[in-house]
Amino acid sequence: MKLIHQNGITLNTTMKVVGAFLLGTAIGTATGLLVAPSSGSATRKQLKKKTKKYSQEALDMATDYLDSLRKGYNKKIERYAGNGKTAIDSLKENIKL
């Protein structure tokens, strides 16, 4: 995942792709409703089914993204903690007479 700094806000390329996907889905759904050959009740059932499917996919993608953020954050914390411990140990050695 590549982070991009834009206008003071850090954006993630993956989130841009997810946003574009969701926008495309919404546009496709709206277009499909306008040209739907099915009856209103059949169209509503189909729309409900697709909405449930796409919302679950979006939820799964968001969960995966948050998990990757959490892992990256934990790795950085561990690295910083290790660096701090090394610095303290070095300082202890230098202070000893």
PDB file of N, CA and C in Angstrom:
ATOM      1  N   MET A   1       0.835  -1.178   0.000  1.00  0.00           N
ATOM      2  CA  MET A   1       0.000   0.000   0.000  1.00  0.00           C
ATOM      3  C   MET A   1       0.880   1.241   0.000  1.00  0.00           C
ATOM      4  N   LYS A   2       0.576   2.139  -0.904  1.00  0.00           N
ATOM      5  CA  LYS A   2       1.360   3.347  -1.047  1.00  0.00           C
ATOM      6  C   LYS A   2       0.579   4.525  -0.493  1.00  0.00           C
ATOM      7  N   LEU A   3       1.205   5.282   0.392  1.00  0.00           N
ATOM      8  CA  LEU A   3       0.554   6.460   0.951  1.00  0.00           C
ATOM      9  C   LEU A   3       0.897   7.673   0.102  1.00  0.00           C
ATOM     10  N   ILE A   4      -0.077   8.506  -0.165  1.00  0.00           N
ATOM     11  CA  ILE A   4       0.110   9.709  -0.956  1.00  0.00           C
ATOM     12  C   ILE A   4      -0.318  10.897  -0.116  1.00  0.00           C
ATOM     13  N   HIS A   5       0.537  11.899  -0.045  1.00  0.00           N
ATOM     14  CA  HIS A   5       0.210  13.098   0.716  1.00  0.00           C
ATOM     15  C   HIS A   5      -0.360  14.120  -0.257  1.00  0.00           C
ATOM     16  N   GLN A   6      -1.605  14.531  -0.025  1.00  0.00           N
ATOM     17  CA  GLN A   6      -2.274  15.419  -0.958  1.00  0.00           C
ATOM     18  C   GLN A   6      -3.098  16.435  -0.191  1.00  0.00           C
ATOM     19  N   ASN A   7      -2.808  17.705  -0.389  1.00  0.00           N
ATOM     20  CA  ASN A   7      -3.553  18.795   0.256  1.00  0.00           C
ATOM     21  C   ASN A   7      -3.608  18.652   1.772  1.00  0.00           C
ATOM     22  N   GLY A   8      -2.528  18.217   2.375  1.00  0.00           N
ATOM     23  CA  GLY A   8      -2.483  18.095   3.822  1.00  0.00           C
ATOM     24  C   GLY A   8      -3.179  16.867   4.364  1.00  0.00           C
ATOM     25  N   ILE A   9      -3.696  16.004   3.493  1.00  0.00           N
ATOM     26  CA  ILE A   9      -4.408  14.802   3.918  1.00  0.00           C
ATOM     27  C   ILE A   9      -3.676  13.601   3.354  1.00  0.00           C
ATOM     28  N   THR A  10      -3.451  12.599   4.180  1.00  0.00           N
ATOM     29  CA  THR A  10      -2.812  11.386   3.708  1.00  0.00           C
ATOM     30  C   THR A  10      -3.879  10.436   3.188  1.00  0.00           C
ATOM     31  N   LEU A  11      -3.761  10.061   1.915  1.00  0.00           N
ATOM     32  CA  LEU A  11      -4.723   9.174   1.287  1.00  0.00           C
ATOM     33  C   LEU A  11      -4.028   7.875   0.920  1.00  0.00           C
ATOM     34  N   ASN A  12      -4.772   6.825   0.865  1.00  0.00           N
ATOM     35  CA  ASN A  12      -4.219   5.539   0.508  1.00  0.00           C
ATOM     36  C   ASN A  12      -4.728   5.147  -0.867  1.00  0.00           C
ATOM     37  N   THR A  13      -3.832   4.639  -1.708  1.00  0.00           N
ATOM     38  CA  THR A  13      -4.203   4.248  -3.054  1.00  0.00           C
ATOM     39  C   THR A  13      -5.316   3.220  -3.038  1.00  0.00           C
ATOM     40  N   THR A  14      -5.269   2.280  -2.115  1.00  0.00           N
ATOM     41  CA  THR A  14      -6.303   1.255  -2.020  1.00  0.00           C
ATOM     42  C   THR A  14      -7.660   1.881  -1.749  1.00  0.00           C
ATOM     43  N   MET A  15      -7.715   2.869  -0.880  1.00  0.00           N
ATOM     44  CA  MET A  15      -8.985   3.503  -0.567  1.00  0.00           C
ATOM     45  C   MET A  15      -9.526   4.272  -1.777  1.00  0.00           C
ATOM     46  N   LYS A  16      -8.624   4.823  -2.602  1.00  0.00           N
ATOM     47  CA  LYS A  16      -9.069   5.493  -3.826  1.00  0.00           C
ATOM     48  C   LYS A  16      -9.724   4.482  -4.757  1.00  0.00           C
ATOM     49  N   VAL A  17      -9.123   3.314  -4.869  1.00  0.00           N
ATOM     50  CA  VAL A  17      -9.667   2.263  -5.730  1.00  0.00           C
ATOM     51  C   VAL A  17     -11.027   1.815  -5.206  1.00  0.00           C
ATOM     52  N   VAL A  18     -11.129   1.620  -3.888  1.00  0.00           N
ATOM     53  CA  VAL A  18     -12.402   1.215  -3.282  1.00  0.00           C
ATOM     54  C   VAL A  18     -13.472   2.273  -3.547  1.00  0.00           C
ATOM     55  N   GLY A  19     -13.117   3.532  -3.393  1.00  0.00           N
ATOM     56  CA  GLY A  19     -14.065   4.610  -3.645  1.00  0.00           C
ATOM     57  C   GLY A  19     -14.532   4.624  -5.096  1.00  0.00           C
ATOM     58  N   ALA A  20     -13.589   4.444  -6.015  1.00  0.00           N
ATOM     59  CA  ALA A  20     -13.946   4.407  -7.435  1.00  0.00           C
ATOM     60  C   ALA A  20     -14.849   3.215  -7.732  1.00  0.00           C
ATOM     61  N   PHE A  21     -14.549   2.077  -7.107  1.00  0.00           N
ATOM     62  CA  PHE A  21     -15.370   0.880  -7.283  1.00  0.00           C
ATOM     63  C   PHE A  21     -16.798   1.128  -6.803  1.00  0.00           C
ATOM     64  N   LEU A  22     -16.936   1.710  -5.624  1.00  0.00           N
ATOM     65  CA  LEU A  22     -18.266   1.973  -5.075  1.00  0.00           C
ATOM     66  C   LEU A  22     -19.025   2.993  -5.917  1.00  0.00           C
ATOM     67  N   LEU A  23     -18.333   4.012  -6.412  1.00  0.00           N
ATOM     68  CA  LEU A  23     -18.976   4.997  -7.269  1.00  0.00           C
ATOM     69  C   LEU A  23     -19.451   4.344  -8.564  1.00  0.00           C
ATOM     70  N   GLY A  24     -18.615   3.503  -9.143  1.00  0.00           N
ATOM     71  CA  GLY A  24     -18.998   2.783 -10.360  1.00  0.00           C
ATOM     72  C   GLY A  24     -20.193   1.877 -10.128  1.00  0.00           C
ATOM     73  N   THR A  25     -20.205   1.231  -8.974  1.00  0.00           N
ATOM     74  CA  THR A  25     -21.330   0.362  -8.621  1.00  0.00           C
ATOM     75  C   THR A  25     -22.627   1.166  -8.523  1.00  0.00           C
ATOM     76  N   ALA A  26     -22.554   2.313  -7.875  1.00  0.00           N
ATOM     77  CA  ALA A  26     -23.745   3.149  -7.722  1.00  0.00           C
ATOM     78  C   ALA A  26     -24.251   3.641  -9.078  1.00  0.00           C
ATOM     79  N   ILE A  27     -23.343   4.068  -9.940  1.00  0.00           N
ATOM     80  CA  ILE A  27     -23.736   4.550 -11.270  1.00  0.00           C
ATOM     81  C   ILE A  27     -24.335   3.399 -12.081  1.00  0.00           C
ATOM     82  N   GLY A  28     -23.715   2.236 -12.016  1.00  0.00           N
ATOM     83  CA  GLY A  28     -24.235   1.073 -12.736  1.00  0.00           C
ATOM     84  C   GLY A  28     -25.607   0.658 -12.250  1.00  0.00           C
ATOM     85  N   THR A  29     -25.809   0.707 -10.945  1.00  0.00           N
ATOM     86  CA  THR A  29     -27.105   0.347 -10.376  1.00  0.00           C
ATOM     87  C   THR A  29     -28.186   1.330 -10.826  1.00  0.00           C
ATOM     88  N   ALA A  30     -27.857   2.615 -10.771  1.00  0.00           N
ATOM     89  CA  ALA A  30     -28.830   3.632 -11.188  1.00  0.00           C
ATOM     90  C   ALA A  30     -29.177   3.458 -12.667  1.00  0.00           C
ATOM     91  N   THR A  31     -28.186   3.220 -13.487  1.00  0.00           N
ATOM     92  CA  THR A  31     -28.435   3.010 -14.919  1.00  0.00           C
ATOM     93  C   THR A  31     -29.288   1.770 -15.133  1.00  0.00           C
ATOM     94  N   GLY A  32     -28.972   0.714 -14.408  1.00  0.00           N
ATOM     95  CA  GLY A  32     -29.741  -0.524 -14.522  1.00  0.00           C
ATOM     96  C   GLY A  32     -31.188  -0.339 -14.145  1.00  0.00           C
ATOM     97  N   LEU A  33     -31.442   0.473 -13.127  1.00  0.00           N
ATOM     98  CA  LEU A  33     -32.828   0.728 -12.713  1.00  0.00           C
ATOM     99  C   LEU A  33     -33.601   1.501 -13.781  1.00  0.00           C
ATOM    100  N   LEU A  34     -32.895   2.402 -14.451  1.00  0.00           N
ATOM    101  CA  LEU A  34     -33.565   3.211 -15.470  1.00  0.00           C
ATOM    102  C   LEU A  34     -33.946   2.398 -16.705  1.00  0.00           C
ATOM    103  N   VAL A  35     -33.174   1.382 -17.015  1.00  0.00           N
ATOM    104  CA  VAL A  35     -33.440   0.598 -18.222  1.00  0.00           C
ATOM    105  C   VAL A  35     -33.877  -0.828 -17.896  1.00  0.00           C
ATOM    106  N   ALA A  36     -34.287  -1.065 -16.668  1.00  0.00           N
ATOM    107  CA  ALA A  36     -34.657  -2.410 -16.219  1.00  0.00           C
ATOM    108  C   ALA A  36     -35.903  -2.916 -16.939  1.00  0.00           C
ATOM    109  N   PRO A  37     -35.806  -4.116 -17.518  1.00  0.00           N
ATOM    110  CA  PRO A  37     -36.969  -4.695 -18.182  1.00  0.00           C
ATOM    111  C   PRO A  37     -37.901  -5.437 -17.208  1.00  0.00           C
ATOM    112  N   SER A  38     -37.490  -5.583 -15.972  1.00  0.00           N
ATOM    113  CA  SER A  38     -38.270  -6.332 -14.975  1.00  0.00           C
ATOM    114  C   SER A  38     -39.348  -5.460 -14.354  1.00  0.00           C
ATOM    115  N   SER A  39     -40.255  -6.114 -13.647  1.00  0.00           N
ATOM    116  CA  SER A  39     -41.293  -5.380 -12.924  1.00  0.00           C
ATOM    117  C   SER A  39     -40.671  -4.679 -11.719  1.00  0.00           C
ATOM    118  N   GLY A  40     -41.419  -3.785 -11.117  1.00  0.00           N
ATOM    119  CA  GLY A  40     -40.916  -3.034  -9.972  1.00  0.00           C
ATOM    120  C   GLY A  40     -40.529  -3.924  -8.808  1.00  0.00           C
ATOM    121  N   SER A  41     -41.365  -4.922  -8.474  1.00  0.00           N
ATOM    122  CA  SER A  41     -41.065  -5.785  -7.330  1.00  0.00           C
ATOM    123  C   SER A  41     -39.839  -6.656  -7.613  1.00  0.00           C
ATOM    124  N   ALA A  42     -39.711  -7.153  -8.841  1.00  0.00           N
ATOM    125  CA  ALA A  42     -38.539  -7.967  -9.186  1.00  0.00           C
ATOM    126  C   ALA A  42     -37.275  -7.120  -9.153  1.00  0.00           C
ATOM    127  N   THR A  43     -37.379  -5.894  -9.627  1.00  0.00           N
ATOM    128  CA  THR A  43     -36.230  -4.982  -9.615  1.00  0.00           C
ATOM    129  C   THR A  43     -35.821  -4.662  -8.184  1.00  0.00           C
ATOM    130  N   ARG A  44     -36.803  -4.440  -7.303  1.00  0.00           N
ATOM    131  CA  ARG A  44     -36.489  -4.138  -5.901  1.00  0.00           C
ATOM    132  C   ARG A  44     -35.810  -5.322  -5.224  1.00  0.00           C
ATOM    133  N   LYS A  45     -36.279  -6.530  -5.498  1.00  0.00           N
ATOM    134  CA  LYS A  45     -35.643  -7.724  -4.929  1.00  0.00           C
ATOM    135  C   LYS A  45     -34.201  -7.844  -5.398  1.00  0.00           C
ATOM    136  N   GLN A  46     -34.013  -7.635  -6.684  1.00  0.00           N
ATOM    137  CA  GLN A  46     -32.674  -7.724  -7.250  1.00  0.00           C
ATOM    138  C   GLN A  46     -31.775  -6.631  -6.667  1.00  0.00           C
ATOM    139  N   LEU A  47     -32.315  -5.440  -6.543  1.00  0.00           N
ATOM    140  CA  LEU A  47     -31.552  -4.329  -5.968  1.00  0.00           C
ATOM    141  C   LEU A  47     -31.172  -4.616  -4.524  1.00  0.00           C
ATOM    142  N   LYS A  48     -32.093  -5.153  -3.759  1.00  0.00           N
ATOM    143  CA  LYS A  48     -31.829  -5.487  -2.359  1.00  0.00           C
ATOM    144  C   LYS A  48     -30.722  -6.524  -2.260  1.00  0.00           C
ATOM    145  N   LYS A  49     -30.780  -7.543  -3.121  1.00  0.00           N
ATOM    146  CA  LYS A  49     -29.774  -8.600  -3.104  1.00  0.00           C
ATOM    147  C   LYS A  49     -28.387  -8.048  -3.457  1.00  0.00           C
ATOM    148  N   LYS A  50     -28.338  -7.207  -4.491  1.00  0.00           N
ATOM    149  CA  LYS A  50     -27.052  -6.646  -4.917  1.00  0.00           C
ATOM    150  C   LYS A  50     -26.509  -5.664  -3.893  1.00  0.00           C
ATOM    151  N   THR A  51     -27.395  -4.893  -3.285  1.00  0.00           N
ATOM    152  CA  THR A  51     -26.960  -3.948  -2.264  1.00  0.00           C
ATOM    153  C   THR A  51     -26.331  -4.692  -1.095  1.00  0.00           C
ATOM    154  N   LYS A  52     -26.957  -5.778  -0.680  1.00  0.00           N
ATOM    155  CA  LYS A  52     -26.420  -6.580   0.417  1.00  0.00           C
ATOM    156  C   LYS A  52     -25.052  -7.144   0.048  1.00  0.00           C
ATOM    157  N   LYS A  53     -24.931  -7.657  -1.188  1.00  0.00           N
ATOM    158  CA  LYS A  53     -23.671  -8.239  -1.652  1.00  0.00           C
ATOM    159  C   LYS A  53     -22.559  -7.191  -1.662  1.00  0.00           C
ATOM    160  N   TYR A  54     -22.831  -6.031  -2.276  1.00  0.00           N
ATOM    161  CA  TYR A  54     -21.805  -5.003  -2.402  1.00  0.00           C
ATOM    162  C   TYR A  54     -21.465  -4.361  -1.062  1.00  0.00           C
ATOM    163  N   SER A  55     -22.433  -4.225  -0.184  1.00  0.00           N
ATOM    164  CA  SER A  55     -22.127  -3.665   1.127  1.00  0.00           C
ATOM    165  C   SER A  55     -21.249  -4.623   1.930  1.00  0.00           C
ATOM    166  N   GLN A  56     -21.482  -5.922   1.781  1.00  0.00           N
ATOM    167  CA  GLN A  56     -20.628  -6.901   2.471  1.00  0.00           C
ATOM    168  C   GLN A  56     -19.211  -6.865   1.901  1.00  0.00           C
ATOM    169  N   GLU A  57     -19.101  -6.737   0.576  1.00  0.00           N
ATOM    170  CA  GLU A  57     -17.774  -6.637  -0.043  1.00  0.00           C
ATOM    171  C   GLU A  57     -17.049  -5.380   0.437  1.00  0.00           C
ATOM    172  N   ALA A  58     -17.759  -4.271   0.511  1.00  0.00           N
ATOM    173  CA  ALA A  58     -17.154  -3.027   0.987  1.00  0.00           C
ATOM    174  C   ALA A  58     -16.726  -3.163   2.445  1.00  0.00           C
ATOM    175  N   LEU A  59     -17.551  -3.803   3.250  1.00  0.00           N
ATOM    176  CA  LEU A  59     -17.202  -4.030   4.652  1.00  0.00           C
ATOM    177  C   LEU A  59     -15.960  -4.910   4.777  1.00  0.00           C
ATOM    178  N   ASP A  60     -15.893  -5.959   3.964  1.00  0.00           N
ATOM    179  CA  ASP A  60     -14.725  -6.840   3.981  1.00  0.00           C
ATOM    180  C   ASP A  60     -13.457  -6.088   3.572  1.00  0.00           C
ATOM    181  N   MET A  61     -13.568  -5.255   2.540  1.00  0.00           N
ATOM    182  CA  MET A  61     -12.408  -4.482   2.089  1.00  0.00           C
ATOM    183  C   MET A  61     -11.959  -3.498   3.163  1.00  0.00           C
ATOM    184  N   ALA A  62     -12.907  -2.840   3.805  1.00  0.00           N
ATOM    185  CA  ALA A  62     -12.570  -1.892   4.868  1.00  0.00           C
ATOM    186  C   ALA A  62     -11.922  -2.612   6.044  1.00  0.00           C
ATOM    187  N   THR A  63     -12.430  -3.788   6.376  1.00  0.00           N
ATOM    188  CA  THR A  63     -11.854  -4.572   7.478  1.00  0.00           C
ATOM    189  C   THR A  63     -10.422  -4.977   7.151  1.00  0.00           C
ATOM    190  N   ASP A  64     -10.199  -5.428   5.916  1.00  0.00           N
ATOM    191  CA  ASP A  64      -8.845  -5.797   5.502  1.00  0.00           C
ATOM    192  C   ASP A  64      -7.909  -4.597   5.563  1.00  0.00           C
ATOM    193  N   TYR A  65      -8.391  -3.446   5.120  1.00  0.00           N
ATOM    194  CA  TYR A  65      -7.591  -2.238   5.150  1.00  0.00           C
ATOM    195  C   TYR A  65      -7.232  -1.848   6.587  1.00  0.00           C
ATOM    196  N   LEU A  66      -8.207  -1.886   7.478  1.00  0.00           N
ATOM    197  CA  LEU A  66      -7.950  -1.542   8.878  1.00  0.00           C
ATOM    198  C   LEU A  66      -6.984  -2.530   9.526  1.00  0.00           C
ATOM    199  N   ASP A  67      -7.107  -3.814   9.168  1.00  0.00           N
ATOM    200  CA  ASP A  67      -6.166  -4.813   9.687  1.00  0.00           C
ATOM    201  C   ASP A  67      -4.743  -4.510   9.236  1.00  0.00           C
ATOM    202  N   SER A  68      -4.582  -4.125   7.977  1.00  0.00           N
ATOM    203  CA  SER A  68      -3.241  -3.809   7.480  1.00  0.00           C
ATOM    204  C   SER A  68      -2.695  -2.558   8.168  1.00  0.00           C
ATOM    205  N   LEU A  69      -3.549  -1.572   8.412  1.00  0.00           N
ATOM    206  CA  LEU A  69      -3.113  -0.384   9.150  1.00  0.00           C
ATOM    207  C   LEU A  69      -2.671  -0.737  10.563  1.00  0.00           C
ATOM    208  N   ARG A  70      -3.458  -1.597  11.216  1.00  0.00           N
ATOM    209  CA  ARG A  70      -3.146  -2.016  12.581  1.00  0.00           C
ATOM    210  C   ARG A  70      -1.794  -2.736  12.631  1.00  0.00           C
ATOM    211  N   LYS A  71      -1.560  -3.625  11.668  1.00  0.00           N
ATOM    212  CA  LYS A  71      -0.289  -4.366  11.628  1.00  0.00           C
ATOM    213  C   LYS A  71       0.882  -3.419  11.417  1.00  0.00           C
ATOM    214  N   GLY A  72       0.727  -2.480  10.495  1.00  0.00           N
ATOM    215  CA  GLY A  72       1.796  -1.510  10.241  1.00  0.00           C
ATOM    216  C   GLY A  72       2.069  -0.644  11.462  1.00  0.00           C
ATOM    217  N   TYR A  73       1.023  -0.221  12.131  1.00  0.00           N
ATOM    218  CA  TYR A  73       1.161   0.592  13.340  1.00  0.00           C
ATOM    219  C   TYR A  73       1.897  -0.185  14.419  1.00  0.00           C
ATOM    220  N   ASN A  74       1.494  -1.443  14.627  1.00  0.00           N
ATOM    221  CA  ASN A  74       2.141  -2.266  15.658  1.00  0.00           C
ATOM    222  C   ASN A  74       3.609  -2.506  15.346  1.00  0.00           C
ATOM    223  N   LYS A  75       3.943  -2.692  14.057  1.00  0.00           N
ATOM    224  CA  LYS A  75       5.349  -2.885  13.679  1.00  0.00           C
ATOM    225  C   LYS A  75       6.166  -1.648  14.002  1.00  0.00           C
ATOM    226  N   LYS A  76       5.602  -0.473  13.699  1.00  0.00           N
ATOM    227  CA  LYS A  76       6.321   0.771  13.994  1.00  0.00           C
ATOM    228  C   LYS A  76       6.513   0.955  15.495  1.00  0.00           C
ATOM    229  N   ILE A  77       5.493   0.672  16.266  1.00  0.00           N
ATOM    230  CA  ILE A  77       5.594   0.802  17.721  1.00  0.00           C
ATOM    231  C   ILE A  77       6.676  -0.126  18.256  1.00  0.00           C
ATOM    232  N   GLU A  78       6.701  -1.377  17.772  1.00  0.00           N
ATOM    233  CA  GLU A  78       7.725  -2.322  18.209  1.00  0.00           C
ATOM    234  C   GLU A  78       9.120  -1.835  17.838  1.00  0.00           C
ATOM    235  N   ARG A  79       9.256  -1.284  16.633  1.00  0.00           N
ATOM    236  CA  ARG A  79      10.565  -0.778  16.196  1.00  0.00           C
ATOM    237  C   ARG A  79      10.993   0.405  17.068  1.00  0.00           C
ATOM    238  N   TYR A  80      10.070   1.338  17.324  1.00  0.00           N
ATOM    239  CA  TYR A  80      10.399   2.486  18.156  1.00  0.00           C
ATOM    240  C   TYR A  80      10.737   2.060  19.583  1.00  0.00           C
ATOM    241  N   ALA A  81      10.006   1.094  20.108  1.00  0.00           N
ATOM    242  CA  ALA A  81      10.280   0.598  21.459  1.00  0.00           C
ATOM    243  C   ALA A  81      11.659  -0.054  21.509  1.00  0.00           C
ATOM    244  N   GLY A  82      11.987  -0.818  20.482  1.00  0.00           N
ATOM    245  CA  GLY A  82      13.311  -1.443  20.409  1.00  0.00           C
ATOM    246  C   GLY A  82      14.413  -0.405  20.324  1.00  0.00           C
ATOM    247  N   ASN A  83      14.199   0.632  19.509  1.00  0.00           N
ATOM    248  CA  ASN A  83      15.183   1.707  19.400  1.00  0.00           C
ATOM    249  C   ASN A  83      15.354   2.434  20.729  1.00  0.00           C
ATOM    250  N   GLY A  84      14.249   2.657  21.419  1.00  0.00           N
ATOM    251  CA  GLY A  84      14.317   3.323  22.723  1.00  0.00           C
ATOM    252  C   GLY A  84      15.064   2.487  23.741  1.00  0.00           C
ATOM    253  N   LYS A  85      14.813   1.188  23.752  1.00  0.00           N
ATOM    254  CA  LYS A  85      15.502   0.293  24.684  1.00  0.00           C
ATOM    255  C   LYS A  85      16.999   0.274  24.386  1.00  0.00           C
ATOM    256  N   THR A  86      17.347   0.228  23.104  1.00  0.00           N
ATOM    257  CA  THR A  86      18.758   0.242  22.729  1.00  0.00           C
ATOM    258  C   THR A  86      19.417   1.541  23.173  1.00  0.00           C
ATOM    259  N   ALA A  87      18.731   2.658  22.998  1.00  0.00           N
ATOM    260  CA  ALA A  87      19.281   3.952  23.403  1.00  0.00           C
ATOM    261  C   ALA A  87      19.456   4.017  24.910  1.00  0.00           C
ATOM    262  N   ILE A  88      18.497   3.505  25.659  1.00  0.00           N
ATOM    263  CA  ILE A  88      18.607   3.507  27.127  1.00  0.00           C
ATOM    264  C   ILE A  88      19.765   2.625  27.573  1.00  0.00           C
ATOM    265  N   ASP A  89      19.900   1.447  26.987  1.00  0.00           N
ATOM    266  CA  ASP A  89      21.003   0.549  27.341  1.00  0.00           C
ATOM    267  C   ASP A  89      22.345   1.197  27.032  1.00  0.00           C
ATOM    268  N   SER A  90      22.440   1.867  25.899  1.00  0.00           N
ATOM    269  CA  SER A  90      23.679   2.551  25.526  1.00  0.00           C
ATOM    270  C   SER A  90      23.990   3.678  26.509  1.00  0.00           C
ATOM    271  N   LEU A  91      22.964   4.420  26.877  1.00  0.00           N
ATOM    272  CA  LEU A  91      23.137   5.518  27.828  1.00  0.00           C
ATOM    273  C   LEU A  91      23.594   4.987  29.177  1.00  0.00           C
ATOM    274  N   LYS A  92      23.025   3.866  29.637  1.00  0.00           N
ATOM    275  CA  LYS A  92      23.427   3.260  30.901  1.00  0.00           C
ATOM    276  C   LYS A  92      24.908   2.903  30.876  1.00  0.00           C
ATOM    277  N   GLU A  93      25.349   2.331  29.762  1.00  0.00           N
ATOM    278  CA  GLU A  93      26.752   1.926  29.644  1.00  0.00           C
ATOM    279  C   GLU A  93      27.668   3.140  29.653  1.00  0.00           C
ATOM    280  N   ASN A  94      27.263   4.222  29.009  1.00  0.00           N
ATOM    281  CA  ASN A  94      28.091   5.410  28.953  1.00  0.00           C
ATOM    282  C   ASN A  94      28.133   6.157  30.278  1.00  0.00           C
ATOM    283  N   ILE A  95      27.104   6.047  31.087  1.00  0.00           N
ATOM    284  CA  ILE A  95      27.037   6.748  32.361  1.00  0.00           C
ATOM    285  C   ILE A  95      27.853   6.040  33.435  1.00  0.00           C
ATOM    286  N   LYS A  96      27.967   4.717  33.336  1.00  0.00           N
ATOM    287  CA  LYS A  96      28.696   3.963  34.356  1.00  0.00           C
ATOM    288  C   LYS A  96      30.138   4.463  34.459  1.00  0.00           C
ATOM    289  N   LEU A  97      30.636   4.538  35.669  1.00  0.00           N
ATOM    290  CA  LEU A  97      32.019   4.987  35.919  1.00  0.00           C
ATOM    291  C   LEU A  97      32.956   3.840  36.014  1.00  0.00           C
TER     292      LEU A  97
END
